[in-house]
């Protein structure tokens, strides 16, 4: 069986580049939002900041508590992971296609 894949590259108004690889026969959406910033770019006085921010991204926002975020993800069976690494930081989101718009608003809030 041949699986068709369509790819798109979009440059957003803020200069961020969005890459999309679409396989319409799959009911799952996976998204990775990554910025080229991590601990390697931190001044010595702020060592550990990228890691700390990555760990705290899903611990609450002005409009959602950590429990609200966890329940939204858990209720759909989706997965959300925030990280702060050496060269890159960001988040990943995996959800069923029908649940993705809702979980994307949760991720955007982070």
PDB file of N, CA and C in Angstrom:
ATOM      1  N   UNK A   1       0.841  -1.174   0.000  1.00  0.00           N
ATOM      2  CA  UNK A   1       0.000   0.000   0.000  1.00  0.00           C
ATOM      3  C   UNK A   1       0.890   1.242   0.000  1.00  0.00           C
ATOM      4  N   UNK A   2       0.631   2.128  -0.924  1.00  0.00           N
ATOM      5  CA  UNK A   2       1.386   3.363  -1.041  1.00  0.00           C
ATOM      6  C   UNK A   2       0.785   4.427  -0.134  1.00  0.00           C
ATOM      7  N   UNK A   3       1.624   5.031   0.711  1.00  0.00           N
ATOM      8  CA  UNK A   3       1.165   6.086   1.609  1.00  0.00           C
ATOM      9  C   UNK A   3       1.560   7.418   1.010  1.00  0.00           C
ATOM     10  N   UNK A   4       0.572   8.252   0.763  1.00  0.00           N
ATOM     11  CA  UNK A   4       0.840   9.576   0.204  1.00  0.00           C
ATOM     12  C   UNK A   4       1.198  10.547   1.314  1.00  0.00           C
ATOM     13  N   UNK A   5       2.236  11.342   1.070  1.00  0.00           N
ATOM     14  CA  UNK A   5       2.643  12.345   2.041  1.00  0.00           C
ATOM     15  C   UNK A   5       2.788  13.672   1.314  1.00  0.00           C
ATOM     16  N   UNK A   6       2.205  14.696   1.904  1.00  0.00           N
ATOM     17  CA  UNK A   6       2.307  16.046   1.375  1.00  0.00           C
ATOM     18  C   UNK A   6       3.106  16.870   2.367  1.00  0.00           C
ATOM     19  N   UNK A   7       4.022  17.662   1.874  1.00  0.00           N
ATOM     20  CA  UNK A   7       4.806  18.507   2.767  1.00  0.00           C
ATOM     21  C   UNK A   7       4.577  19.980   2.437  1.00  0.00           C
ATOM     22  N   UNK A   8       4.624  20.804   3.484  1.00  0.00           N
ATOM     23  CA  UNK A   8       4.424  22.240   3.344  1.00  0.00           C
ATOM     24  C   UNK A   8       5.476  22.969   4.171  1.00  0.00           C
ATOM     25  N   UNK A   9       5.916  24.113   3.677  1.00  0.00           N
ATOM     26  CA  UNK A   9       6.810  25.002   4.435  1.00  0.00           C
ATOM     27  C   UNK A   9       6.168  26.375   4.434  1.00  0.00           C
ATOM     28  N   UNK A  10       5.897  26.908   5.624  1.00  0.00           N
ATOM     29  CA  UNK A  10       5.223  28.194   5.766  1.00  0.00           C
ATOM     30  C   UNK A  10       6.076  29.089   6.658  1.00  0.00           C
ATOM     31  N   UNK A  11       6.316  30.310   6.208  1.00  0.00           N
ATOM     32  CA  UNK A  11       7.018  31.283   7.034  1.00  0.00           C
ATOM     33  C   UNK A  11       5.956  32.183   7.668  1.00  0.00           C
ATOM     34  N   UNK A  12       5.892  32.181   8.983  1.00  0.00           N
ATOM     35  CA  UNK A  12       4.897  32.960   9.716  1.00  0.00           C
ATOM     36  C   UNK A  12       5.297  34.432   9.766  1.00  0.00           C
ATOM     37  N   UNK A  13       4.345  35.333  10.030  1.00  0.00           N
ATOM     38  CA  UNK A  13       4.649  36.767  10.083  1.00  0.00           C
ATOM     39  C   UNK A  13       5.774  37.135  11.054  1.00  0.00           C
ATOM     40  N   UNK A  14       5.958  36.338  12.122  1.00  0.00           N
ATOM     41  CA  UNK A  14       7.012  36.634  13.091  1.00  0.00           C
ATOM     42  C   UNK A  14       8.366  36.052  12.689  1.00  0.00           C
ATOM     43  N   UNK A  15       8.433  35.431  11.519  1.00  0.00           N
ATOM     44  CA  UNK A  15       9.688  34.881  11.026  1.00  0.00           C
ATOM     45  C   UNK A  15       9.884  33.409  11.341  1.00  0.00           C
ATOM     46  N   UNK A  16       9.050  32.835  12.198  1.00  0.00           N
ATOM     47  CA  UNK A  16       9.163  31.406  12.498  1.00  0.00           C
ATOM     48  C   UNK A  16       8.794  30.595  11.263  1.00  0.00           C
ATOM     49  N   UNK A  17       9.431  29.465  11.111  1.00  0.00           N
ATOM     50  CA  UNK A  17       9.164  28.583   9.976  1.00  0.00           C
ATOM     51  C   UNK A  17       8.365  27.384  10.472  1.00  0.00           C
ATOM     52  N   UNK A  18       7.258  27.106   9.808  1.00  0.00           N
ATOM     53  CA  UNK A  18       6.440  25.944  10.137  1.00  0.00           C
ATOM     54  C   UNK A  18       6.598  24.919   9.019  1.00  0.00           C
ATOM     55  N   UNK A  19       6.945  23.697   9.396  1.00  0.00           N
ATOM     56  CA  UNK A  19       7.067  22.594   8.455  1.00  0.00           C
ATOM     57  C   UNK A  19       5.964  21.597   8.757  1.00  0.00           C
ATOM     58  N   UNK A  20       5.323  21.102   7.733  1.00  0.00           N
ATOM     59  CA  UNK A  20       4.221  20.169   7.926  1.00  0.00           C
ATOM     60  C   UNK A  20       4.389  18.997   6.963  1.00  0.00           C
ATOM     61  N   UNK A  21       4.324  17.797   7.502  1.00  0.00           N
ATOM     62  CA  UNK A  21       4.309  16.579   6.694  1.00  0.00           C
ATOM     63  C   UNK A  21       2.973  15.898   6.962  1.00  0.00           C
ATOM     64  N   UNK A  22       2.141  15.833   5.971  1.00  0.00           N
ATOM     65  CA  UNK A  22       0.770  15.350   6.149  1.00  0.00           C
ATOM     66  C   UNK A  22       0.588  13.987   5.503  1.00  0.00           C
ATOM     67  N   UNK A  23       0.031  13.059   6.283  1.00  0.00           N
ATOM     68  CA  UNK A  23      -0.394  11.759   5.788  1.00  0.00           C
ATOM     69  C   UNK A  23      -1.865  11.634   6.155  1.00  0.00           C
ATOM     70  N   UNK A  24      -2.741  11.937   5.226  1.00  0.00           N
ATOM     71  CA  UNK A  24      -4.163  12.063   5.524  1.00  0.00           C
ATOM     72  C   UNK A  24      -4.829  10.759   5.951  1.00  0.00           C
ATOM     73  N   UNK A  25      -4.170   9.624   5.759  1.00  0.00           N
ATOM     74  CA  UNK A  25      -4.774   8.355   6.152  1.00  0.00           C
ATOM     75  C   UNK A  25      -4.560   8.033   7.632  1.00  0.00           C
ATOM     76  N   UNK A  26      -3.808   8.859   8.361  1.00  0.00           N
ATOM     77  CA  UNK A  26      -3.574   8.623   9.780  1.00  0.00           C
ATOM     78  C   UNK A  26      -4.474   9.525  10.625  1.00  0.00           C
ATOM     79  N   UNK A  27      -5.067   8.998  11.717  1.00  0.00           N
ATOM     80  CA  UNK A  27      -5.955   9.810  12.558  1.00  0.00           C
ATOM     81  C   UNK A  27      -5.216  10.574  13.658  1.00  0.00           C
ATOM     82  N   UNK A  28      -3.904  10.659  13.573  1.00  0.00           N
ATOM     83  CA  UNK A  28      -3.088  11.259  14.623  1.00  0.00           C
ATOM     84  C   UNK A  28      -2.349  12.479  14.077  1.00  0.00           C
ATOM     85  N   UNK A  29      -2.214  13.492  14.941  1.00  0.00           N
ATOM     86  CA  UNK A  29      -1.433  14.679  14.601  1.00  0.00           C
ATOM     87  C   UNK A  29      -0.314  14.798  15.623  1.00  0.00           C
ATOM     88  N   UNK A  30       0.895  15.029  15.134  1.00  0.00           N
ATOM     89  CA  UNK A  30       2.040  15.254  16.015  1.00  0.00           C
ATOM     90  C   UNK A  30       2.637  16.608  15.653  1.00  0.00           C
ATOM     91  N   UNK A  31       2.915  17.412  16.663  1.00  0.00           N
ATOM     92  CA  UNK A  31       3.465  18.741  16.441  1.00  0.00           C
ATOM     93  C   UNK A  31       4.674  18.937  17.340  1.00  0.00           C
ATOM     94  N   UNK A  32       5.689  19.559  16.790  1.00  0.00           N
ATOM     95  CA  UNK A  32       6.886  19.910  17.546  1.00  0.00           C
ATOM     96  C   UNK A  32       7.131  21.392  17.341  1.00  0.00           C
ATOM     97  N   UNK A  33       7.184  22.150  18.412  1.00  0.00           N
ATOM     98  CA  UNK A  33       7.501  23.582  18.358  1.00  0.00           C
ATOM     99  C   UNK A  33       8.868  23.739  19.021  1.00  0.00           C
ATOM    100  N   UNK A  34       9.858  24.080  18.222  1.00  0.00           N
ATOM    101  CA  UNK A  34      11.227  24.107  18.713  1.00  0.00           C
ATOM    102  C   UNK A  34      11.855  25.457  18.402  1.00  0.00           C
ATOM    103  N   UNK A  35      12.559  26.005  19.380  1.00  0.00           N
ATOM    104  CA  UNK A  35      13.327  27.238  19.172  1.00  0.00           C
ATOM    105  C   UNK A  35      14.800  26.910  19.387  1.00  0.00           C
ATOM    106  N   UNK A  36      15.636  27.584  18.640  1.00  0.00           N
ATOM    107  CA  UNK A  36      17.083  27.352  18.727  1.00  0.00           C
ATOM    108  C   UNK A  36      17.648  28.139  19.900  1.00  0.00           C
ATOM    109  N   UNK A  37      17.219  27.752  21.080  1.00  0.00           N
ATOM    110  CA  UNK A  37      17.740  28.362  22.302  1.00  0.00           C
ATOM    111  C   UNK A  37      17.799  27.288  23.373  1.00  0.00           C
ATOM    112  N   UNK A  38      18.923  27.192  24.018  1.00  0.00           N
ATOM    113  CA  UNK A  38      19.078  26.216  25.079  1.00  0.00           C
ATOM    114  C   UNK A  38      20.184  26.649  26.005  1.00  0.00           C
ATOM    115  N   UNK A  39      20.601  25.732  26.842  1.00  0.00           N
ATOM    116  CA  UNK A  39      21.579  26.074  27.872  1.00  0.00           C
ATOM    117  C   UNK A  39      22.922  26.529  27.307  1.00  0.00           C
ATOM    118  N   UNK A  40      23.258  26.134  26.091  1.00  0.00           N
ATOM    119  CA  UNK A  40      24.542  26.565  25.522  1.00  0.00           C
ATOM    120  C   UNK A  40      24.604  28.066  25.278  1.00  0.00           C
ATOM    121  N   UNK A  41      23.451  28.730  25.222  1.00  0.00           N
ATOM    122  CA  UNK A  41      23.401  30.169  24.969  1.00  0.00           C
ATOM    123  C   UNK A  41      23.240  31.004  26.241  1.00  0.00           C
ATOM    124  N   UNK A  42      23.154  30.363  27.375  1.00  0.00           N
ATOM    125  CA  UNK A  42      22.917  31.078  28.630  1.00  0.00           C
ATOM    126  C   UNK A  42      24.203  31.717  29.164  1.00  0.00           C
ATOM    127  N   UNK A  43      24.087  32.934  29.675  1.00  0.00           N
ATOM    128  CA  UNK A  43      25.243  33.494  30.385  1.00  0.00           C
ATOM    129  C   UNK A  43      25.473  32.706  31.673  1.00  0.00           C
ATOM    130  N   UNK A  44      26.675  32.710  32.169  1.00  0.00           N
ATOM    131  CA  UNK A  44      27.015  31.934  33.366  1.00  0.00           C
ATOM    132  C   UNK A  44      26.100  32.258  34.543  1.00  0.00           C
ATOM    133  N   UNK A  45      25.718  33.515  34.664  1.00  0.00           N
ATOM    134  CA  UNK A  45      24.866  33.927  35.786  1.00  0.00           C
ATOM    135  C   UNK A  45      23.451  33.345  35.685  1.00  0.00           C
ATOM    136  N   UNK A  46      23.063  32.857  34.495  1.00  0.00           N
ATOM    137  CA  UNK A  46      21.729  32.286  34.307  1.00  0.00           C
ATOM    138  C   UNK A  46      21.787  30.801  33.958  1.00  0.00           C
ATOM    139  N   UNK A  47      22.862  30.143  34.329  1.00  0.00           N
ATOM    140  CA  UNK A  47      23.014  28.718  34.030  1.00  0.00           C
ATOM    141  C   UNK A  47      21.821  27.924  34.559  1.00  0.00           C
ATOM    142  N   UNK A  48      21.249  27.085  33.722  1.00  0.00           N
ATOM    143  CA  UNK A  48      20.106  26.257  34.097  1.00  0.00           C
ATOM    144  C   UNK A  48      18.756  26.855  33.749  1.00  0.00           C
ATOM    145  N   UNK A  49      18.734  28.079  33.226  1.00  0.00           N
ATOM    146  CA  UNK A  49      17.465  28.754  32.945  1.00  0.00           C
ATOM    147  C   UNK A  49      16.642  28.021  31.888  1.00  0.00           C
ATOM    148  N   UNK A  50      17.258  27.588  30.797  1.00  0.00           N
ATOM    149  CA  UNK A  50      16.508  26.890  29.739  1.00  0.00           C
ATOM    150  C   UNK A  50      15.882  25.607  30.270  1.00  0.00           C
ATOM    151  N   UNK A  51      16.629  24.871  31.046  1.00  0.00           N
ATOM    152  CA  UNK A  51      16.113  23.637  31.621  1.00  0.00           C
ATOM    153  C   UNK A  51      14.961  23.917  32.577  1.00  0.00           C
ATOM    154  N   UNK A  52      15.115  24.937  33.401  1.00  0.00           N
ATOM    155  CA  UNK A  52      14.063  25.312  34.349  1.00  0.00           C
ATOM    156  C   UNK A  52      12.789  25.731  33.627  1.00  0.00           C
ATOM    157  N   UNK A  53      12.930  26.575  32.613  1.00  0.00           N
ATOM    158  CA  UNK A  53      11.759  27.020  31.849  1.00  0.00           C
ATOM    159  C   UNK A  53      11.077  25.832  31.193  1.00  0.00           C
ATOM    160  N   UNK A  54      11.847  24.934  30.582  1.00  0.00           N
ATOM    161  CA  UNK A  54      11.264  23.749  29.964  1.00  0.00           C
ATOM    162  C   UNK A  54      10.493  22.897  30.948  1.00  0.00           C
ATOM    163  N   UNK A  55      11.050  22.742  32.146  1.00  0.00           N
ATOM    164  CA  UNK A  55      10.380  21.941  33.177  1.00  0.00           C
ATOM    165  C   UNK A  55       9.116  22.607  33.707  1.00  0.00           C
ATOM    166  N   UNK A  56       9.065  23.929  33.680  1.00  0.00           N
ATOM    167  CA  UNK A  56       7.933  24.654  34.265  1.00  0.00           C
ATOM    168  C   UNK A  56       6.838  25.023  33.266  1.00  0.00           C
ATOM    169  N   UNK A  57       7.075  24.827  31.976  1.00  0.00           N
ATOM    170  CA  UNK A  57       6.088  25.255  30.973  1.00  0.00           C
ATOM    171  C   UNK A  57       4.702  24.671  31.203  1.00  0.00           C
ATOM    172  N   UNK A  58       4.625  23.435  31.627  1.00  0.00           N
ATOM    173  CA  UNK A  58       3.308  22.811  31.827  1.00  0.00           C
ATOM    174  C   UNK A  58       2.843  22.838  33.284  1.00  0.00           C
ATOM    175  N   UNK A  59       3.444  23.690  34.083  1.00  0.00           N
ATOM    176  CA  UNK A  59       3.091  23.778  35.499  1.00  0.00           C
ATOM    177  C   UNK A  59       2.092  24.884  35.811  1.00  0.00           C
ATOM    178  N   UNK A  60       1.461  25.431  34.786  1.00  0.00           N
ATOM    179  CA  UNK A  60       0.427  26.430  35.007  1.00  0.00           C
ATOM    180  C   UNK A  60       0.672  27.698  34.219  1.00  0.00           C
ATOM    181  N   UNK A  61      -0.401  28.366  33.892  1.00  0.00           N
ATOM    182  CA  UNK A  61      -0.373  29.628  33.159  1.00  0.00           C
ATOM    183  C   UNK A  61      -1.330  30.584  33.874  1.00  0.00           C
ATOM    184  N   UNK A  62      -1.420  31.818  33.428  1.00  0.00           N
ATOM    185  CA  UNK A  62      -2.398  32.722  34.054  1.00  0.00           C
ATOM    186  C   UNK A  62      -3.850  32.239  33.918  1.00  0.00           C
ATOM    187  N   UNK A  63      -4.130  31.394  32.917  1.00  0.00           N
ATOM    188  CA  UNK A  63      -5.514  30.951  32.706  1.00  0.00           C
ATOM    189  C   UNK A  63      -5.758  29.476  32.997  1.00  0.00           C
ATOM    190  N   UNK A  64      -4.687  28.691  33.218  1.00  0.00           N
ATOM    191  CA  UNK A  64      -4.835  27.255  33.482  1.00  0.00           C
ATOM    192  C   UNK A  64      -3.871  26.825  34.582  1.00  0.00           C
ATOM    193  N   UNK A  65      -4.369  26.013  35.501  1.00  0.00           N
ATOM    194  CA  UNK A  65      -3.482  25.438  36.514  1.00  0.00           C
ATOM    195  C   UNK A  65      -2.786  24.218  35.913  1.00  0.00           C
ATOM    196  N   UNK A  66      -1.779  23.723  36.605  1.00  0.00           N
ATOM    197  CA  UNK A  66      -1.096  22.504  36.158  1.00  0.00           C
ATOM    198  C   UNK A  66      -2.087  21.350  36.064  1.00  0.00           C
ATOM    199  N   UNK A  67      -3.029  21.296  37.008  1.00  0.00           N
ATOM    200  CA  UNK A  67      -4.027  20.229  36.973  1.00  0.00           C
ATOM    201  C   UNK A  67      -4.960  20.390  35.772  1.00  0.00           C
ATOM    202  N   UNK A  68      -5.356  21.622  35.443  1.00  0.00           N
ATOM    203  CA  UNK A  68      -6.194  21.855  34.266  1.00  0.00           C
ATOM    204  C   UNK A  68      -5.497  21.357  33.003  1.00  0.00           C
ATOM    205  N   UNK A  69      -4.206  21.663  32.901  1.00  0.00           N
ATOM    206  CA  UNK A  69      -3.430  21.250  31.733  1.00  0.00           C
ATOM    207  C   UNK A  69      -3.359  19.725  31.663  1.00  0.00           C
ATOM    208  N   UNK A  70      -3.021  19.098  32.780  1.00  0.00           N
ATOM    209  CA  UNK A  70      -2.911  17.639  32.821  1.00  0.00           C
ATOM    210  C   UNK A  70      -4.246  16.970  32.498  1.00  0.00           C
ATOM    211  N   UNK A  71      -5.343  17.491  33.034  1.00  0.00           N
ATOM    212  CA  UNK A  71      -6.659  16.900  32.768  1.00  0.00           C
ATOM    213  C   UNK A  71      -7.063  17.049  31.310  1.00  0.00           C
ATOM    214  N   UNK A  72      -6.757  18.196  30.692  1.00  0.00           N
ATOM    215  CA  UNK A  72      -7.089  18.402  29.280  1.00  0.00           C
ATOM    216  C   UNK A  72      -6.359  17.391  28.407  1.00  0.00           C
ATOM    217  N   UNK A  73      -5.105  17.147  28.712  1.00  0.00           N
ATOM    218  CA  UNK A  73      -4.320  16.180  27.939  1.00  0.00           C
ATOM    219  C   UNK A  73      -4.811  14.765  28.211  1.00  0.00           C
ATOM    220  N   UNK A  74      -4.986  14.437  29.478  1.00  0.00           N
ATOM    221  CA  UNK A  74      -5.396  13.092  29.864  1.00  0.00           C
ATOM    222  C   UNK A  74      -6.780  12.731  29.335  1.00  0.00           C
ATOM    223  N   UNK A  75      -7.701  13.686  29.324  1.00  0.00           N
ATOM    224  CA  UNK A  75      -9.073  13.421  28.890  1.00  0.00           C
ATOM    225  C   UNK A  75      -9.148  13.001  27.436  1.00  0.00           C
ATOM    226  N   UNK A  76      -8.161  13.377  26.654  1.00  0.00           N
ATOM    227  CA  UNK A  76      -8.176  13.044  25.232  1.00  0.00           C
ATOM    228  C   UNK A  76      -7.220  11.911  24.888  1.00  0.00           C
ATOM    229  N   UNK A  77      -6.385  11.513  25.837  1.00  0.00           N
ATOM    230  CA  UNK A  77      -5.387  10.496  25.543  1.00  0.00           C
ATOM    231  C   UNK A  77      -4.197  11.063  24.780  1.00  0.00           C
ATOM    232  N   UNK A  78      -4.108  12.387  24.744  1.00  0.00           N
ATOM    233  CA  UNK A  78      -2.998  13.029  24.047  1.00  0.00           C
ATOM    234  C   UNK A  78      -1.740  13.028  24.878  1.00  0.00           C
ATOM    235  N   UNK A  79      -0.682  13.600  24.313  1.00  0.00           N
ATOM    236  CA  UNK A  79       0.594  13.691  25.011  1.00  0.00           C
ATOM    237  C   UNK A  79       1.204  15.057  24.782  1.00  0.00           C
ATOM    238  N   UNK A  80       1.658  15.686  25.846  1.00  0.00           N
ATOM    239  CA  UNK A  80       2.301  16.993  25.771  1.00  0.00           C
ATOM    240  C   UNK A  80       3.601  16.914  26.556  1.00  0.00           C
ATOM    241  N   UNK A  81       4.676  17.367  25.944  1.00  0.00           N
ATOM    242  CA  UNK A  81       5.976  17.336  26.597  1.00  0.00           C
ATOM    243  C   UNK A  81       6.684  18.652  26.331  1.00  0.00           C
ATOM    244  N   UNK A  82       7.102  19.333  27.385  1.00  0.00           N
ATOM    245  CA  UNK A  82       7.887  20.563  27.266  1.00  0.00           C
ATOM    246  C   UNK A  82       9.321  20.249  27.675  1.00  0.00           C
ATOM    247  N   UNK A  83      10.290  20.908  27.028  1.00  0.00           N
ATOM    248  CA  UNK A  83      11.675  20.612  27.339  1.00  0.00           C
ATOM    249  C   UNK A  83      12.571  21.822  27.112  1.00  0.00           C
ATOM    250  N   UNK A  84      13.630  21.867  27.837  1.00  0.00           N
ATOM    251  CA  UNK A  84      14.693  22.847  27.655  1.00  0.00           C
ATOM    252  C   UNK A  84      15.988  22.073  27.572  1.00  0.00           C
ATOM    253  N   UNK A  85      16.604  22.079  26.413  1.00  0.00           N
ATOM    254  CA  UNK A  85      17.793  21.270  26.209  1.00  0.00           C
ATOM    255  C   UNK A  85      19.046  22.098  26.045  1.00  0.00           C
ATOM    256  N   UNK A  86      20.077  21.462  25.554  1.00  0.00           N
ATOM    257  CA  UNK A  86      21.369  22.112  25.384  1.00  0.00           C
ATOM    258  C   UNK A  86      21.335  23.142  24.251  1.00  0.00           C
ATOM    259  N   UNK A  87      20.823  22.750  23.095  1.00  0.00           N
ATOM    260  CA  UNK A  87      20.812  23.650  21.941  1.00  0.00           C
ATOM    261  C   UNK A  87      19.408  24.084  21.534  1.00  0.00           C
ATOM    262  N   UNK A  88      18.392  23.352  21.989  1.00  0.00           N
ATOM    263  CA  UNK A  88      17.016  23.644  21.590  1.00  0.00           C
ATOM    264  C   UNK A  88      16.078  23.496  22.777  1.00  0.00           C
ATOM    265  N   UNK A  89      14.982  24.244  22.702  1.00  0.00           N
ATOM    266  CA  UNK A  89      13.925  24.146  23.708  1.00  0.00           C
ATOM    267  C   UNK A  89      12.596  24.137  22.977  1.00  0.00           C
ATOM    268  N   UNK A  90      11.566  23.624  23.611  1.00  0.00           N
ATOM    269  CA  UNK A  90      10.266  23.638  22.963  1.00  0.00           C
ATOM    270  C   UNK A  90       9.279  22.701  23.594  1.00  0.00           C
ATOM    271  N   UNK A  91       8.318  22.280  22.778  1.00  0.00           N
ATOM    272  CA  UNK A  91       7.324  21.334  23.248  1.00  0.00           C
ATOM    273  C   UNK A  91       6.868  20.451  22.109  1.00  0.00           C
ATOM    274  N   UNK A  92       6.357  19.298  22.477  1.00  0.00           N
ATOM    275  CA  UNK A  92       5.780  18.386  21.503  1.00  0.00           C
ATOM    276  C   UNK A  92       4.364  18.054  21.950  1.00  0.00           C
ATOM    277  N   UNK A  93       3.518  17.831  20.969  1.00  0.00           N
ATOM    278  CA  UNK A  93       2.116  17.536  21.226  1.00  0.00           C
ATOM    279  C   UNK A  93       1.673  16.442  20.267  1.00  0.00           C
ATOM    280  N   UNK A  94       1.050  15.401  20.784  1.00  0.00           N
ATOM    281  CA  UNK A  94       0.502  14.325  19.970  1.00  0.00           C
ATOM    282  C   UNK A  94      -0.941  14.107  20.397  1.00  0.00           C
ATOM    283  N   UNK A  95      -1.839  14.056  19.418  1.00  0.00           N
ATOM    284  CA  UNK A  95      -3.264  13.899  19.732  1.00  0.00           C
ATOM    285  C   UNK A  95      -3.997  13.295  18.542  1.00  0.00           C
ATOM    286  N   UNK A  96      -5.164  12.754  18.816  1.00  0.00           N
ATOM    287  CA  UNK A  96      -6.033  12.336  17.724  1.00  0.00           C
ATOM    288  C   UNK A  96      -6.464  13.576  16.948  1.00  0.00           C
ATOM    289  N   UNK A  97      -6.669  13.415  15.663  1.00  0.00           N
ATOM    290  CA  UNK A  97      -6.998  14.540  14.781  1.00  0.00           C
ATOM    291  C   UNK A  97      -8.165  15.375  15.304  1.00  0.00           C
ATOM    292  N   UNK A  98      -9.218  14.727  15.810  1.00  0.00           N
ATOM    293  CA  UNK A  98     -10.397  15.462  16.283  1.00  0.00           C
ATOM    294  C   UNK A  98     -10.113  16.257  17.552  1.00  0.00           C
ATOM    295  N   UNK A  99      -9.158  15.809  18.363  1.00  0.00           N
ATOM    296  CA  UNK A  99      -8.830  16.483  19.620  1.00  0.00           C
ATOM    297  C   UNK A  99      -7.735  17.533  19.461  1.00  0.00           C
ATOM    298  N   UNK A 100      -7.053  17.525  18.341  1.00  0.00           N
ATOM    299  CA  UNK A 100      -5.888  18.386  18.176  1.00  0.00           C
ATOM    300  C   UNK A 100      -6.190  19.881  18.317  1.00  0.00           C
ATOM    301  N   UNK A 101      -7.264  20.415  17.726  1.00  0.00           N
ATOM    302  CA  UNK A 101      -7.510  21.860  17.877  1.00  0.00           C
ATOM    303  C   UNK A 101      -7.627  22.311  19.339  1.00  0.00           C
ATOM    304  N   UNK A 102      -8.316  21.514  20.149  1.00  0.00           N
ATOM    305  CA  UNK A 102      -8.453  21.856  21.568  1.00  0.00           C
ATOM    306  C   UNK A 102      -7.101  21.815  22.273  1.00  0.00           C
ATOM    307  N   UNK A 103      -6.335  20.753  22.036  1.00  0.00           N
ATOM    308  CA  UNK A 103      -5.043  20.618  22.709  1.00  0.00           C
ATOM    309  C   UNK A 103      -4.031  21.629  22.191  1.00  0.00           C
ATOM    310  N   UNK A 104      -4.204  22.068  20.958  1.00  0.00           N
ATOM    311  CA  UNK A 104      -3.324  23.112  20.433  1.00  0.00           C
ATOM    312  C   UNK A 104      -3.550  24.425  21.191  1.00  0.00           C
ATOM    313  N   UNK A 105      -4.783  24.709  21.589  1.00  0.00           N
ATOM    314  CA  UNK A 105      -5.032  25.934  22.383  1.00  0.00           C
ATOM    315  C   UNK A 105      -4.385  25.807  23.764  1.00  0.00           C
ATOM    316  N   UNK A 106      -4.372  24.596  24.314  1.00  0.00           N
ATOM    317  CA  UNK A 106      -3.688  24.388  25.595  1.00  0.00           C
ATOM    318  C   UNK A 106      -2.196  24.604  25.416  1.00  0.00           C
ATOM    319  N   UNK A 107      -1.628  24.033  24.369  1.00  0.00           N
ATOM    320  CA  UNK A 107      -0.189  24.196  24.107  1.00  0.00           C
ATOM    321  C   UNK A 107       0.156  25.651  23.842  1.00  0.00           C
ATOM    322  N   UNK A 108      -0.695  26.352  23.121  1.00  0.00           N
ATOM    323  CA  UNK A 108      -0.437  27.770  22.827  1.00  0.00           C
ATOM    324  C   UNK A 108      -0.447  28.592  24.105  1.00  0.00           C
ATOM    325  N   UNK A 109      -1.243  28.197  25.076  1.00  0.00           N
ATOM    326  CA  UNK A 109      -1.296  28.899  26.348  1.00  0.00           C
ATOM    327  C   UNK A 109       0.027  28.757  27.116  1.00  0.00           C
ATOM    328  N   UNK A 110       0.719  27.640  26.900  1.00  0.00           N
ATOM    329  CA  UNK A 110       1.996  27.441  27.564  1.00  0.00           C
ATOM    330  C   UNK A 110       3.029  28.392  27.000  1.00  0.00           C
TER     331      UNK A 110
END
